[in-house]
Every structure is written in C-alpha cells, then in structure tokens.
N, C-alpha and C. Protein backbone atom coordinates (compact mmCIF):
# COMPACT_ATOMS: atom_id res chain seq x y z
N UNK A 1 105.20 108.96 78.56
CA UNK A 1 104.99 109.31 79.95
C UNK A 1 103.82 108.49 80.51
N UNK A 2 103.99 107.97 81.71
CA UNK A 2 102.93 107.22 82.39
C UNK A 2 101.83 108.16 82.85
N UNK A 3 100.60 107.72 82.71
CA UNK A 3 99.46 108.46 83.23
C UNK A 3 98.99 107.77 84.49
N UNK A 4 98.83 108.53 85.54
CA UNK A 4 98.36 107.95 86.80
C UNK A 4 96.86 107.66 86.69
N UNK A 5 96.44 106.52 87.24
CA UNK A 5 95.03 106.15 87.30
C UNK A 5 94.49 106.68 88.62
N UNK A 6 94.04 107.94 88.61
CA UNK A 6 93.64 108.66 89.82
C UNK A 6 92.18 108.39 90.15
N UNK A 7 91.91 108.26 91.44
CA UNK A 7 90.56 108.06 91.95
C UNK A 7 90.16 109.33 92.70
N UNK A 8 89.03 109.91 92.32
CA UNK A 8 88.48 111.07 93.01
C UNK A 8 87.11 110.71 93.58
N UNK A 9 86.88 110.99 94.87
CA UNK A 9 85.54 110.82 95.41
C UNK A 9 84.65 111.95 94.92
N UNK A 10 83.37 111.77 95.03
CA UNK A 10 82.43 112.85 94.67
C UNK A 10 82.64 114.02 95.63
N UNK A 11 82.68 115.23 95.10
CA UNK A 11 82.86 116.42 95.94
C UNK A 11 84.27 116.49 96.50
N UNK A 12 84.46 117.31 97.51
CA UNK A 12 85.72 117.46 98.24
C UNK A 12 86.92 117.82 97.37
N UNK A 13 86.72 118.51 96.27
CA UNK A 13 87.84 118.85 95.39
C UNK A 13 88.69 119.99 95.93
N UNK A 14 88.15 120.84 96.80
CA UNK A 14 88.84 122.05 97.24
C UNK A 14 90.23 121.75 97.80
N UNK A 15 90.34 120.79 98.71
CA UNK A 15 91.62 120.48 99.35
C UNK A 15 92.61 119.91 98.35
N UNK A 16 92.15 119.02 97.47
CA UNK A 16 93.04 118.41 96.47
C UNK A 16 93.54 119.45 95.48
N UNK A 17 92.65 120.30 95.01
CA UNK A 17 93.04 121.32 94.04
C UNK A 17 93.96 122.36 94.66
N UNK A 18 93.65 122.78 95.88
CA UNK A 18 94.46 123.80 96.55
C UNK A 18 95.88 123.29 96.81
N UNK A 19 96.02 122.02 97.16
CA UNK A 19 97.33 121.49 97.54
C UNK A 19 97.99 120.63 96.47
N UNK A 20 97.35 120.46 95.32
CA UNK A 20 97.95 119.79 94.16
C UNK A 20 98.39 118.34 94.44
N UNK A 21 97.42 117.52 94.84
CA UNK A 21 97.70 116.10 95.00
C UNK A 21 96.45 115.29 94.65
N UNK A 22 96.65 114.00 94.43
CA UNK A 22 95.55 113.10 94.10
C UNK A 22 95.08 112.39 95.36
N UNK A 23 93.76 112.19 95.51
CA UNK A 23 93.26 111.47 96.68
C UNK A 23 93.73 110.02 96.73
N UNK A 24 93.80 109.37 95.55
CA UNK A 24 94.26 107.98 95.50
C UNK A 24 94.69 107.66 94.07
N UNK A 25 95.58 106.68 93.98
CA UNK A 25 96.07 106.22 92.68
C UNK A 25 96.01 104.69 92.67
N UNK A 26 95.43 104.14 91.59
CA UNK A 26 95.43 102.68 91.37
C UNK A 26 96.74 102.30 90.68
N UNK A 27 97.35 101.20 91.13
CA UNK A 27 98.56 100.70 90.49
C UNK A 27 98.78 99.24 90.84
N UNK A 28 98.92 98.41 89.83
CA UNK A 28 99.25 96.99 90.02
C UNK A 28 98.36 96.28 91.03
N UNK A 29 97.06 96.50 90.93
CA UNK A 29 96.11 95.80 91.79
C UNK A 29 95.97 96.39 93.19
N UNK A 30 96.64 97.51 93.42
CA UNK A 30 96.59 98.14 94.74
C UNK A 30 96.06 99.56 94.61
N UNK A 31 95.51 100.07 95.71
CA UNK A 31 95.04 101.45 95.78
C UNK A 31 95.87 102.16 96.85
N UNK A 32 96.56 103.21 96.44
CA UNK A 32 97.39 104.00 97.34
C UNK A 32 96.63 105.29 97.64
N UNK A 33 96.16 105.42 98.89
CA UNK A 33 95.31 106.55 99.27
C UNK A 33 96.15 107.59 100.01
N UNK A 34 96.06 108.83 99.56
CA UNK A 34 96.72 109.94 100.26
C UNK A 34 96.14 110.07 101.66
N UNK A 35 96.90 110.69 102.54
CA UNK A 35 96.43 110.93 103.89
C UNK A 35 95.12 111.68 103.89
N UNK A 36 94.16 111.16 104.64
CA UNK A 36 92.84 111.76 104.75
C UNK A 36 92.70 112.38 106.13
N UNK A 37 92.21 113.60 106.16
CA UNK A 37 92.04 114.33 107.40
C UNK A 37 90.56 114.64 107.61
N UNK A 38 90.24 115.14 108.77
CA UNK A 38 88.87 115.50 109.09
C UNK A 38 88.53 116.88 108.57
N UNK A 39 88.57 117.00 107.25
CA UNK A 39 88.29 118.30 106.62
C UNK A 39 86.84 118.38 106.17
N UNK A 40 86.32 119.56 106.29
CA UNK A 40 84.99 119.85 105.78
C UNK A 40 85.07 120.00 104.27
N UNK A 41 83.94 120.16 103.60
CA UNK A 41 83.91 120.26 102.14
C UNK A 41 84.80 121.38 101.60
N UNK A 42 84.96 122.46 102.37
CA UNK A 42 85.79 123.57 101.91
C UNK A 42 87.27 123.37 102.23
N UNK A 43 87.61 122.25 102.88
CA UNK A 43 89.00 121.95 103.21
C UNK A 43 89.42 122.38 104.60
N UNK A 44 88.55 123.06 105.34
CA UNK A 44 88.91 123.52 106.68
C UNK A 44 88.80 122.38 107.70
N UNK A 45 89.60 122.44 108.79
CA UNK A 45 89.57 121.39 109.80
C UNK A 45 88.29 121.40 110.64
N UNK A 46 87.81 120.21 110.96
CA UNK A 46 86.75 120.04 111.96
C UNK A 46 87.43 120.27 113.31
N UNK A 47 86.96 121.22 114.15
CA UNK A 47 87.70 121.54 115.37
C UNK A 47 87.67 120.48 116.48
N UNK A 48 86.58 119.75 116.65
CA UNK A 48 86.49 118.74 117.71
C UNK A 48 87.26 117.49 117.30
N UNK A 49 88.17 117.01 118.16
CA UNK A 49 89.05 115.89 117.81
C UNK A 49 88.27 114.63 117.43
N UNK A 50 87.32 114.18 118.24
CA UNK A 50 86.58 112.96 117.92
C UNK A 50 85.79 113.12 116.62
N UNK A 51 85.18 114.27 116.43
CA UNK A 51 84.46 114.54 115.18
C UNK A 51 85.42 114.60 114.00
N UNK A 52 86.63 115.12 114.24
CA UNK A 52 87.64 115.18 113.19
C UNK A 52 88.07 113.77 112.75
N UNK A 53 88.23 112.86 113.71
CA UNK A 53 88.59 111.48 113.39
C UNK A 53 87.47 110.82 112.59
N UNK A 54 86.23 111.00 113.03
CA UNK A 54 85.10 110.42 112.29
C UNK A 54 85.00 110.99 110.88
N UNK A 55 85.24 112.27 110.73
CA UNK A 55 85.19 112.90 109.41
C UNK A 55 86.35 112.42 108.53
N UNK A 56 87.51 112.19 109.13
CA UNK A 56 88.64 111.64 108.36
C UNK A 56 88.28 110.26 107.82
N UNK A 57 87.63 109.43 108.63
CA UNK A 57 87.21 108.11 108.15
C UNK A 57 86.10 108.23 107.12
N UNK A 58 85.19 109.18 107.29
CA UNK A 58 84.16 109.40 106.28
C UNK A 58 84.82 109.78 104.95
N UNK A 59 85.80 110.66 105.00
CA UNK A 59 86.51 111.06 103.79
C UNK A 59 87.31 109.90 103.20
N UNK A 60 87.95 109.11 104.06
CA UNK A 60 88.67 107.92 103.60
C UNK A 60 87.71 106.95 102.93
N UNK A 61 86.58 106.69 103.57
CA UNK A 61 85.61 105.74 103.00
C UNK A 61 85.07 106.22 101.67
N UNK A 62 84.94 107.54 101.47
CA UNK A 62 84.49 108.07 100.18
C UNK A 62 85.51 107.79 99.09
N UNK A 63 86.80 107.89 99.42
CA UNK A 63 87.85 107.57 98.45
C UNK A 63 87.84 106.07 98.15
N UNK A 64 87.76 105.25 99.19
CA UNK A 64 87.72 103.79 98.99
C UNK A 64 86.52 103.41 98.13
N UNK A 65 85.36 103.96 98.44
CA UNK A 65 84.14 103.65 97.70
C UNK A 65 84.27 104.05 96.22
N UNK A 66 84.92 105.17 95.95
CA UNK A 66 85.11 105.61 94.56
C UNK A 66 85.96 104.62 93.77
N UNK A 67 86.75 103.81 94.48
CA UNK A 67 87.57 102.77 93.84
C UNK A 67 86.95 101.39 93.98
N UNK A 68 85.69 101.32 94.42
CA UNK A 68 84.98 100.05 94.65
C UNK A 68 85.63 99.21 95.74
N UNK A 69 86.17 99.88 96.75
CA UNK A 69 86.79 99.19 97.89
C UNK A 69 86.02 99.56 99.16
N UNK A 70 86.32 98.81 100.23
CA UNK A 70 85.84 99.14 101.57
C UNK A 70 87.04 99.07 102.49
N UNK A 71 86.83 99.42 103.75
CA UNK A 71 87.93 99.32 104.71
C UNK A 71 88.40 97.88 104.86
N UNK A 72 87.55 96.90 104.57
CA UNK A 72 87.96 95.49 104.63
C UNK A 72 89.07 95.17 103.62
N UNK A 73 89.20 95.97 102.57
CA UNK A 73 90.24 95.78 101.56
C UNK A 73 91.58 96.40 101.96
N UNK A 74 91.59 97.17 103.03
CA UNK A 74 92.80 97.85 103.48
C UNK A 74 93.77 96.85 104.08
N UNK A 75 95.03 96.92 103.63
CA UNK A 75 96.06 96.01 104.14
C UNK A 75 97.10 96.72 104.99
N UNK A 76 97.25 98.04 104.79
CA UNK A 76 98.28 98.78 105.52
C UNK A 76 97.74 100.16 105.88
N UNK A 77 97.97 100.58 107.12
CA UNK A 77 97.49 101.87 107.61
C UNK A 77 98.66 102.62 108.24
N UNK A 78 98.76 103.90 107.93
CA UNK A 78 99.67 104.79 108.64
C UNK A 78 98.81 105.91 109.21
N UNK A 79 98.95 106.12 110.51
CA UNK A 79 98.20 107.16 111.21
C UNK A 79 99.19 108.19 111.74
N UNK A 80 98.86 109.44 111.51
CA UNK A 80 99.66 110.55 112.01
C UNK A 80 98.84 111.29 113.06
N UNK A 81 99.46 111.55 114.22
CA UNK A 81 98.75 112.19 115.33
C UNK A 81 99.62 113.32 115.88
N UNK A 82 99.02 114.51 115.99
CA UNK A 82 99.68 115.61 116.68
C UNK A 82 99.52 115.35 118.18
N UNK A 83 100.63 115.39 118.90
CA UNK A 83 100.65 115.17 120.35
C UNK A 83 100.01 113.83 120.72
N UNK A 84 100.60 112.72 120.25
CA UNK A 84 99.98 111.41 120.50
C UNK A 84 99.89 111.05 121.98
N UNK A 85 100.79 111.53 122.80
CA UNK A 85 100.72 111.21 124.22
C UNK A 85 99.41 111.70 124.83
N UNK A 86 98.93 112.83 124.33
CA UNK A 86 97.67 113.39 124.82
C UNK A 86 96.47 112.81 124.10
N UNK A 87 96.58 112.56 122.79
CA UNK A 87 95.42 112.25 121.96
C UNK A 87 95.23 110.79 121.58
N UNK A 88 96.24 109.95 121.73
CA UNK A 88 96.15 108.58 121.21
C UNK A 88 94.95 107.82 121.76
N UNK A 89 94.77 107.79 123.06
CA UNK A 89 93.68 106.99 123.66
C UNK A 89 92.31 107.48 123.18
N UNK A 90 92.13 108.78 123.09
CA UNK A 90 90.84 109.32 122.64
C UNK A 90 90.60 108.93 121.18
N UNK A 91 91.64 109.03 120.35
CA UNK A 91 91.51 108.65 118.94
C UNK A 91 91.23 107.16 118.82
N UNK A 92 91.98 106.35 119.55
CA UNK A 92 91.83 104.90 119.46
C UNK A 92 90.45 104.46 119.95
N UNK A 93 89.87 105.20 120.90
CA UNK A 93 88.53 104.84 121.40
C UNK A 93 87.46 105.07 120.34
N UNK A 94 87.75 105.87 119.33
CA UNK A 94 86.84 106.07 118.20
C UNK A 94 87.16 105.09 117.09
N UNK A 95 88.44 104.97 116.75
CA UNK A 95 88.88 104.18 115.60
C UNK A 95 88.53 102.70 115.75
N UNK A 96 88.92 102.11 116.84
CA UNK A 96 88.79 100.65 116.98
C UNK A 96 87.33 100.19 116.98
N UNK A 97 86.46 100.70 117.87
CA UNK A 97 85.10 100.17 117.86
C UNK A 97 84.26 100.60 116.66
N UNK A 98 84.52 101.77 116.10
CA UNK A 98 83.65 102.29 115.05
C UNK A 98 84.11 101.95 113.63
N UNK A 99 85.42 101.73 113.42
CA UNK A 99 85.90 101.61 112.05
C UNK A 99 86.78 100.40 111.78
N UNK A 100 87.43 99.86 112.78
CA UNK A 100 88.44 98.85 112.53
C UNK A 100 87.87 97.51 112.10
N UNK A 101 86.70 97.15 112.63
CA UNK A 101 86.15 95.84 112.30
C UNK A 101 86.84 94.74 113.09
N UNK A 102 86.54 93.51 112.74
CA UNK A 102 87.10 92.38 113.49
C UNK A 102 88.38 91.88 112.82
N UNK A 103 89.13 91.09 113.57
CA UNK A 103 90.40 90.53 113.09
C UNK A 103 90.14 89.61 111.91
N UNK A 104 91.08 89.45 111.02
CA UNK A 104 92.43 90.03 111.07
C UNK A 104 92.42 91.50 110.67
N UNK A 105 93.24 92.29 111.37
CA UNK A 105 93.33 93.72 111.14
C UNK A 105 94.45 94.04 110.16
N UNK A 106 94.40 95.22 109.56
CA UNK A 106 95.51 95.63 108.69
C UNK A 106 96.75 95.93 109.54
N UNK A 107 97.90 96.02 108.89
CA UNK A 107 99.09 96.47 109.61
C UNK A 107 98.91 97.95 109.92
N UNK A 108 99.53 98.40 111.00
CA UNK A 108 99.37 99.80 111.43
C UNK A 108 100.70 100.37 111.87
N UNK A 109 100.97 101.58 111.42
CA UNK A 109 102.09 102.36 111.94
C UNK A 109 101.50 103.69 112.40
N UNK A 110 101.74 104.04 113.67
CA UNK A 110 101.27 105.32 114.21
C UNK A 110 102.49 106.21 114.41
N UNK A 111 102.39 107.43 113.90
CA UNK A 111 103.50 108.36 113.93
C UNK A 111 103.08 109.64 114.63
N UNK A 112 103.85 110.07 115.62
CA UNK A 112 103.62 111.34 116.27
C UNK A 112 104.26 112.45 115.46
N UNK A 113 103.52 113.50 115.21
CA UNK A 113 104.02 114.62 114.41
C UNK A 113 103.73 115.94 115.14
N UNK A 114 104.37 117.00 114.67
CA UNK A 114 104.17 118.30 115.30
C UNK A 114 103.21 119.19 114.53
N UNK A 115 102.91 118.83 113.27
CA UNK A 115 102.06 119.70 112.45
C UNK A 115 101.37 118.89 111.37
N UNK A 116 100.08 119.12 111.18
CA UNK A 116 99.30 118.49 110.12
C UNK A 116 98.38 119.51 109.45
N UNK A 117 98.93 120.65 109.09
CA UNK A 117 98.17 121.64 108.32
C UNK A 117 96.91 122.08 109.06
N UNK A 118 96.99 122.15 110.39
CA UNK A 118 95.85 122.57 111.19
C UNK A 118 94.99 121.43 111.71
N UNK A 119 95.31 120.19 111.35
CA UNK A 119 94.55 119.02 111.79
C UNK A 119 95.30 118.33 112.93
N UNK A 120 94.60 117.44 113.64
CA UNK A 120 95.20 116.67 114.73
C UNK A 120 95.41 115.20 114.37
N UNK A 121 94.80 114.75 113.27
CA UNK A 121 94.77 113.33 112.91
C UNK A 121 94.75 113.19 111.40
N UNK A 122 95.51 112.23 110.90
CA UNK A 122 95.50 111.92 109.47
C UNK A 122 95.68 110.41 109.31
N UNK A 123 94.98 109.84 108.33
CA UNK A 123 95.09 108.41 108.07
C UNK A 123 95.38 108.18 106.60
N UNK A 124 96.40 107.37 106.35
CA UNK A 124 96.83 107.03 104.99
C UNK A 124 96.80 105.52 104.87
N UNK A 125 96.25 105.00 103.77
CA UNK A 125 96.12 103.55 103.65
C UNK A 125 96.56 103.05 102.28
N UNK A 126 96.83 101.76 102.24
CA UNK A 126 97.00 101.01 101.00
C UNK A 126 95.97 99.89 101.04
N UNK A 127 95.23 99.75 99.96
CA UNK A 127 94.17 98.73 99.88
C UNK A 127 94.38 97.87 98.64
N UNK A 128 93.89 96.64 98.73
CA UNK A 128 93.90 95.73 97.58
C UNK A 128 92.63 96.01 96.79
N UNK A 129 92.79 96.26 95.49
CA UNK A 129 91.63 96.49 94.64
C UNK A 129 90.87 95.17 94.40
N UNK A 130 89.57 95.25 94.25
CA UNK A 130 88.82 94.02 93.96
C UNK A 130 89.23 93.47 92.59
N UNK A 131 89.18 92.16 92.47
CA UNK A 131 89.51 91.53 91.18
C UNK A 131 88.50 91.96 90.14
N UNK A 132 88.95 92.21 88.93
CA UNK A 132 87.99 92.57 87.86
C UNK A 132 86.99 91.44 87.64
N UNK A 133 85.75 91.81 87.43
CA UNK A 133 84.73 90.78 87.19
C UNK A 133 84.84 90.26 85.77
N UNK A 134 84.64 88.98 85.63
CA UNK A 134 84.68 88.36 84.30
C UNK A 134 83.40 88.73 83.58
N UNK A 135 83.52 89.08 82.36
CA UNK A 135 82.27 89.34 81.74
C UNK A 135 82.34 90.02 80.48
C-alpha cells in the first residue's frame, strides 16, 4: 500500500482531524494543497469576509511553508466563492494586491458555490516543490 507524504502546518489540527483530510500531499515533485478557508485555530469561520480571505491565505501560506514552498511556487489555483456575484470584487480587491504578486501569475479557476461549510471563500492550490539540495 502506498503511504501518502502528508504535509501538516504547525497547529490548526482541529479542522483536519474533525473532517478527516490532509492539508497537503507531496507527489512527484508537486504539492497538492487541500482547500484552505479562513478558519480560526478551533476550525470556526472568521465572520468578516475580507478578514476571512486574509486568514485563508495565512492558513494557505502556513501549509506552503511547511513544505518549504511560497506562493511563488504555486502554478494552479482554484477559488471557491459563495455568491460570487456579490463577493467577487471585494475578494479580488484583497487577493490581487496583497497576495498575488507580479506576473507571471498562476492559472486560476473561480467557481461559484452555494455552500462551504459556513465559509464564504476557499482556495485550493497546486505548487511545484523546490528541487532537493545537493549535499
């Protein structure tokens, strides 16, 4: 049986343990990160939308950092938004200037959904792992 090479950030175990999933898995030089939401340490949603987006990125960056990656290593992004017609512009006004960085940007798919376990925003990414250092 194959064993998954799972990446766990420091802390934040409550949501992963309660819902039985891994934050990220390394495979074939890539890092596949589960959807990250703006959850507090206990797994509850941050109520303010802009703060929730920032917290989702903080949580995403913690997973990337645990795998020795940064957002610059991200090649593909999927964003899930509850009621995107209402929330997209507000979310994008946070995401682009604060987290996206300069071009070239990763590929992006934005999906409108009706439910995200009490959250309004979720981000899922695939990143290229850094090359192993010779030594």
